[in-house]
Amino acid sequence: MLTPRQRRSEHKKRHGDMVDMNLVSLIDVFTILIFFLLFSASGVEVLTTPKAVKLPVAESEEVPKPTLVLVISNEDILVDGRLVMSLRDAMAAEGDVLAPLKAALDVQSQRVAIKADASPTQAITIMGDRSIPWAVLKRVMASCAAANYADVSLALSKRDGV
């Protein structure tokens, strides 16, 4: 009578090592799969919308360009994720140009000018909550124009049926 260990060794002697797997072709398949996933994912540009901002709805087919993003929520104004001023301060400000916002946009344009050869006017995308007052949006757009951001785009949500 043989023990289980002896049975396995006898079986191995009779049949040999059957585990002969060529991993080179398997690695090639995974490499091709990784490249396919990387290239197919890079073709889509998605703007991440903060939870505090509810965008208006539209039927646009254009894909957004990668630009500087200015977010106007119900409470704050943010440039590139950094708090610039509160919405209450923007509503109380006098004049068309919001000085803190213009200063923040000037800093951003200087950063872009240092990184690459930038044009005199730059592009910006405004992500504004649908409930913000028109007067605030008008001041924000005037501040963008004063800081040489003439190519202004408004972010919208795509309608479901489109």
C-alpha atoms as a PDB file:
ATOM      1  CA  MET A   1       0.000   0.000   0.000  1.00  0.00           C
ATOM      2  CA  LEU A   2       1.410   3.389  -1.046  1.00  0.00           C
ATOM      3  CA  THR A   3       1.008   6.622   0.869  1.00  0.00           C
ATOM      4  CA  PRO A   4      -0.492   9.640  -0.948  1.00  0.00           C
ATOM      5  CA  ARG A   5       2.952  11.188  -1.257  1.00  0.00           C
ATOM      6  CA  GLN A   6       4.359   8.018  -2.831  1.00  0.00           C
ATOM      7  CA  ARG A   7       1.387   7.812  -5.205  1.00  0.00           C
ATOM      8  CA  ARG A   8       1.999  11.370  -6.387  1.00  0.00           C
ATOM      9  CA  SER A   9       5.694  10.714  -6.961  1.00  0.00           C
ATOM     10  CA  GLU A  10       4.910   7.492  -8.922  1.00  0.00           C
ATOM     11  CA  HIS A  11       2.351   9.394 -11.004  1.00  0.00           C
ATOM     12  CA  LYS A  12       4.896  12.141 -11.661  1.00  0.00           C
ATOM     13  CA  LYS A  13       7.479   9.558 -12.768  1.00  0.00           C
ATOM     14  CA  ARG A  14       5.033   7.961 -15.188  1.00  0.00           C
ATOM     15  CA  HIS A  15       3.614  11.125 -16.768  1.00  0.00           C
ATOM     16  CA  GLY A  16       6.502  13.570 -16.339  1.00  0.00           C
ATOM     17  CA  ASP A  17       6.106  17.320 -15.887  1.00  0.00           C
ATOM     18  CA  MET A  18       3.070  18.301 -17.955  1.00  0.00           C
ATOM     19  CA  VAL A  19       3.251  21.965 -16.948  1.00  0.00           C
ATOM     20  CA  ASP A  20       5.039  23.380 -19.961  1.00  0.00           C
ATOM     21  CA  MET A  21       3.543  26.793 -20.654  1.00  0.00           C
ATOM     22  CA  ASN A  22       4.916  29.406 -23.034  1.00  0.00           C
ATOM     23  CA  LEU A  23       4.549  32.735 -21.237  1.00  0.00           C
ATOM     24  CA  VAL A  24       6.032  34.882 -24.017  1.00  0.00           C
ATOM     25  CA  SER A  25       2.876  34.860 -26.128  1.00  0.00           C
ATOM     26  CA  LEU A  26       0.735  35.511 -23.050  1.00  0.00           C
ATOM     27  CA  ILE A  27       2.870  38.557 -22.163  1.00  0.00           C
ATOM     28  CA  ASP A  28       2.501  39.827 -25.752  1.00  0.00           C
ATOM     29  CA  VAL A  29      -1.279  39.575 -25.527  1.00  0.00           C
ATOM     30  CA  PHE A  30      -1.364  41.497 -22.245  1.00  0.00           C
ATOM     31  CA  THR A  31       0.953  44.181 -23.643  1.00  0.00           C
ATOM     32  CA  ILE A  32      -1.330  44.705 -26.638  1.00  0.00           C
ATOM     33  CA  LEU A  33      -4.351  44.835 -24.337  1.00  0.00           C
ATOM     34  CA  ILE A  34      -2.726  47.469 -22.102  1.00  0.00           C
ATOM     35  CA  PHE A  35      -1.818  49.666 -25.095  1.00  0.00           C
ATOM     36  CA  PHE A  36      -5.343  49.356 -26.472  1.00  0.00           C
ATOM     37  CA  LEU A  37      -6.866  50.406 -23.148  1.00  0.00           C
ATOM     38  CA  LEU A  38      -4.486  53.349 -22.756  1.00  0.00           C
ATOM     39  CA  PHE A  39      -5.122  54.717 -26.242  1.00  0.00           C
ATOM     40  CA  SER A  40      -8.878  54.245 -26.141  1.00  0.00           C
ATOM     41  CA  ALA A  41      -9.178  55.962 -22.743  1.00  0.00           C
ATOM     42  CA  SER A  42      -7.080  58.988 -23.710  1.00  0.00           C
ATOM     43  CA  GLY A  43      -9.436  60.109 -26.510  1.00  0.00           C
ATOM     44  CA  VAL A  44     -12.174  61.305 -24.165  1.00  0.00           C
ATOM     45  CA  GLU A  45     -11.898  64.610 -22.337  1.00  0.00           C
ATOM     46  CA  VAL A  46     -14.142  64.813 -19.282  1.00  0.00           C
ATOM     47  CA  LEU A  47     -14.462  67.817 -17.011  1.00  0.00           C
ATOM     48  CA  THR A  48     -15.004  66.767 -13.425  1.00  0.00           C
ATOM     49  CA  THR A  49     -17.865  68.720 -11.930  1.00  0.00           C
ATOM     50  CA  PRO A  50     -17.821  69.459  -8.203  1.00  0.00           C
ATOM     51  CA  LYS A  51     -20.842  68.139  -6.301  1.00  0.00           C
ATOM     52  CA  ALA A  52     -21.791  71.656  -5.222  1.00  0.00           C
ATOM     53  CA  VAL A  53     -22.281  72.800  -8.841  1.00  0.00           C
ATOM     54  CA  LYS A  54     -25.370  71.872 -10.876  1.00  0.00           C
ATOM     55  CA  LEU A  55     -24.683  72.777 -14.490  1.00  0.00           C
ATOM     56  CA  PRO A  56     -27.328  73.938 -16.968  1.00  0.00           C
ATOM     57  CA  VAL A  57     -28.400  71.406 -19.599  1.00  0.00           C
ATOM     58  CA  ALA A  58     -27.711  71.756 -23.343  1.00  0.00           C
ATOM     59  CA  GLU A  59     -27.589  69.773 -26.571  1.00  0.00           C
ATOM     60  CA  SER A  60     -23.983  70.419 -27.595  1.00  0.00           C
ATOM     61  CA  GLU A  61     -21.972  67.911 -29.592  1.00  0.00           C
ATOM     62  CA  GLU A  62     -18.597  69.650 -29.197  1.00  0.00           C
ATOM     63  CA  VAL A  63     -15.941  68.091 -27.002  1.00  0.00           C
ATOM     64  CA  PRO A  64     -14.442  70.546 -24.478  1.00  0.00           C
ATOM     65  CA  LYS A  65     -10.866  71.720 -24.986  1.00  0.00           C
ATOM     66  CA  PRO A  66      -8.421  71.295 -22.108  1.00  0.00           C
ATOM     67  CA  THR A  67      -8.367  74.784 -20.568  1.00  0.00           C
ATOM     68  CA  LEU A  68      -8.166  76.497 -17.208  1.00  0.00           C
ATOM     69  CA  VAL A  69     -11.357  75.779 -15.224  1.00  0.00           C
ATOM     70  CA  LEU A  70     -13.100  78.440 -13.136  1.00  0.00           C
ATOM     71  CA  VAL A  71     -15.825  77.066 -10.836  1.00  0.00           C
ATOM     72  CA  ILE A  72     -18.650  79.217  -9.451  1.00  0.00           C
ATOM     73  CA  SER A  73     -20.627  77.324  -6.815  1.00  0.00           C
ATOM     74  CA  ASN A  74     -23.428  78.603  -4.596  1.00  0.00           C
ATOM     75  CA  GLU A  75     -20.842  79.761  -2.049  1.00  0.00           C
ATOM     76  CA  ASP A  76     -17.384  80.177  -3.615  1.00  0.00           C
ATOM     77  CA  ILE A  77     -15.412  81.051  -6.733  1.00  0.00           C
ATOM     78  CA  LEU A  78     -12.466  78.737  -7.438  1.00  0.00           C
ATOM     79  CA  VAL A  79      -9.730  78.958 -10.068  1.00  0.00           C
ATOM     80  CA  ASP A  80      -8.042  75.661 -10.858  1.00  0.00           C
ATOM     81  CA  GLY A  81      -9.367  74.200  -7.598  1.00  0.00           C
ATOM     82  CA  ARG A  82      -8.115  77.077  -5.401  1.00  0.00           C
ATOM     83  CA  LEU A  83     -10.501  79.335  -3.497  1.00  0.00           C
ATOM     84  CA  VAL A  84     -10.351  82.904  -4.806  1.00  0.00           C
ATOM     85  CA  MET A  85     -13.327  84.593  -3.149  1.00  0.00           C
ATOM     86  CA  SER A  86     -16.788  83.906  -1.829  1.00  0.00           C
ATOM     87  CA  LEU A  87     -19.896  84.434  -3.914  1.00  0.00           C
ATOM     88  CA  ARG A  88     -21.198  86.855  -1.292  1.00  0.00           C
ATOM     89  CA  ASP A  89     -18.078  89.039  -1.745  1.00  0.00           C
ATOM     90  CA  ALA A  90     -18.488  88.906  -5.521  1.00  0.00           C
ATOM     91  CA  MET A  91     -22.093  90.062  -5.274  1.00  0.00           C
ATOM     92  CA  ALA A  92     -21.131  92.915  -2.911  1.00  0.00           C
ATOM     93  CA  ALA A  93     -18.161  94.079  -4.996  1.00  0.00           C
ATOM     94  CA  GLU A  94     -18.424  97.343  -6.877  1.00  0.00           C
ATOM     95  CA  GLY A  95     -17.510  97.698 -10.510  1.00  0.00           C
ATOM     96  CA  ASP A  96     -17.419  95.118 -13.264  1.00  0.00           C
ATOM     97  CA  VAL A  97     -14.007  93.581 -12.538  1.00  0.00           C
ATOM     98  CA  LEU A  98     -13.510  91.429  -9.442  1.00  0.00           C
ATOM     99  CA  ALA A  99      -9.990  92.312  -8.236  1.00  0.00           C
ATOM    100  CA  PRO A 100      -9.178  89.016  -6.386  1.00  0.00           C
ATOM    101  CA  LEU A 101     -10.347  86.977  -9.380  1.00  0.00           C
ATOM    102  CA  LYS A 102      -8.350  89.073 -11.842  1.00  0.00           C
ATOM    103  CA  ALA A 103      -5.243  88.700  -9.659  1.00  0.00           C
ATOM    104  CA  ALA A 104      -5.655  84.908  -9.522  1.00  0.00           C
ATOM    105  CA  LEU A 105      -6.157  84.737 -13.298  1.00  0.00           C
ATOM    106  CA  ASP A 106      -3.057  86.896 -13.847  1.00  0.00           C
ATOM    107  CA  VAL A 107      -1.040  84.449 -11.723  1.00  0.00           C
ATOM    108  CA  GLN A 108      -2.392  81.530 -13.765  1.00  0.00           C
ATOM    109  CA  SER A 109      -1.554  83.222 -17.072  1.00  0.00           C
ATOM    110  CA  GLN A 110       2.006  83.867 -15.842  1.00  0.00           C
ATOM    111  CA  ARG A 111       2.358  80.154 -14.970  1.00  0.00           C
ATOM    112  CA  VAL A 112       1.180  79.177 -18.439  1.00  0.00           C
ATOM    113  CA  ALA A 113       3.507  81.723 -20.074  1.00  0.00           C
ATOM    114  CA  ILE A 114       6.468  80.260 -18.165  1.00  0.00           C
ATOM    115  CA  LYS A 115       5.618  76.670 -19.168  1.00  0.00           C
ATOM    116  CA  ALA A 116       5.038  77.269 -22.891  1.00  0.00           C
ATOM    117  CA  ASP A 117       4.963  79.933 -25.548  1.00  0.00           C
ATOM    118  CA  ALA A 118       1.419  81.163 -24.923  1.00  0.00           C
ATOM    119  CA  SER A 119      -0.700  83.419 -27.080  1.00  0.00           C
ATOM    120  CA  PRO A 120      -1.678  86.857 -25.706  1.00  0.00           C
ATOM    121  CA  THR A 121      -5.266  85.677 -25.161  1.00  0.00           C
ATOM    122  CA  GLN A 122      -5.954  82.374 -23.452  1.00  0.00           C
ATOM    123  CA  ALA A 123      -8.898  80.044 -23.080  1.00  0.00           C
ATOM    124  CA  ILE A 124     -10.903  79.460 -19.901  1.00  0.00           C
ATOM    125  CA  THR A 125     -13.937  77.311 -19.075  1.00  0.00           C
ATOM    126  CA  ILE A 126     -16.455  78.661 -16.571  1.00  0.00           C
ATOM    127  CA  MET A 127     -18.350  76.005 -14.631  1.00  0.00           C
ATOM    128  CA  GLY A 128     -21.160  77.968 -13.042  1.00  0.00           C
ATOM    129  CA  ASP A 129     -24.022  76.658 -10.973  1.00  0.00           C
ATOM    130  CA  ARG A 130     -27.348  77.181 -12.724  1.00  0.00           C
ATOM    131  CA  SER A 131     -28.673  79.225  -9.792  1.00  0.00           C
ATOM    132  CA  ILE A 132     -25.929  81.887  -9.642  1.00  0.00           C
ATOM    133  CA  PRO A 133     -27.089  85.448 -10.357  1.00  0.00           C
ATOM    134  CA  TRP A 134     -26.475  86.823 -13.836  1.00  0.00           C
ATOM    135  CA  ALA A 135     -24.738  89.900 -12.366  1.00  0.00           C
ATOM    136  CA  VAL A 136     -22.050  87.670 -10.808  1.00  0.00           C
ATOM    137  CA  LEU A 137     -21.516  85.743 -14.041  1.00  0.00           C
ATOM    138  CA  LYS A 138     -21.200  89.042 -15.908  1.00  0.00           C
ATOM    139  CA  ARG A 139     -18.543  90.276 -13.440  1.00  0.00           C
ATOM    140  CA  VAL A 140     -16.658  86.996 -13.660  1.00  0.00           C
ATOM    141  CA  MET A 141     -16.614  87.190 -17.462  1.00  0.00           C
ATOM    142  CA  ALA A 142     -15.457  90.832 -17.319  1.00  0.00           C
ATOM    143  CA  SER A 143     -12.665  89.809 -14.942  1.00  0.00           C
ATOM    144  CA  CYS A 144     -11.628  87.051 -17.350  1.00  0.00           C
ATOM    145  CA  ALA A 145     -11.522  89.531 -20.230  1.00  0.00           C
ATOM    146  CA  ALA A 146      -9.480  91.982 -18.129  1.00  0.00           C
ATOM    147  CA  ALA A 147      -6.928  89.210 -17.454  1.00  0.00           C
ATOM    148  CA  ASN A 148      -6.597  88.463 -21.235  1.00  0.00           C
ATOM    149  CA  TYR A 149      -8.794  85.346 -21.171  1.00  0.00           C
ATOM    150  CA  ALA A 150     -10.855  86.220 -24.246  1.00  0.00           C
ATOM    151  CA  ASP A 151     -11.756  82.656 -25.258  1.00  0.00           C
ATOM    152  CA  VAL A 152     -14.423  82.002 -22.593  1.00  0.00           C
ATOM    153  CA  SER A 153     -16.474  78.787 -22.636  1.00  0.00           C
ATOM    154  CA  LEU A 154     -19.391  77.899 -20.373  1.00  0.00           C
ATOM    155  CA  ALA A 155     -19.603  74.289 -19.173  1.00  0.00           C
ATOM    156  CA  LEU A 156     -22.972  72.566 -19.614  1.00  0.00           C
ATOM    157  CA  SER A 157     -24.383  69.138 -18.853  1.00  0.00           C
ATOM    158  CA  LYS A 158     -25.379  67.046 -21.826  1.00  0.00           C
ATOM    159  CA  ARG A 159     -29.078  66.274 -22.030  1.00  0.00           C
ATOM    160  CA  ASP A 160     -29.831  62.554 -21.444  1.00  0.00           C
ATOM    161  CA  GLY A 161     -31.708  61.930 -24.688  1.00  0.00           C
ATOM    162  CA  VAL A 162     -28.913  63.301 -26.894  1.00  0.00           C
END
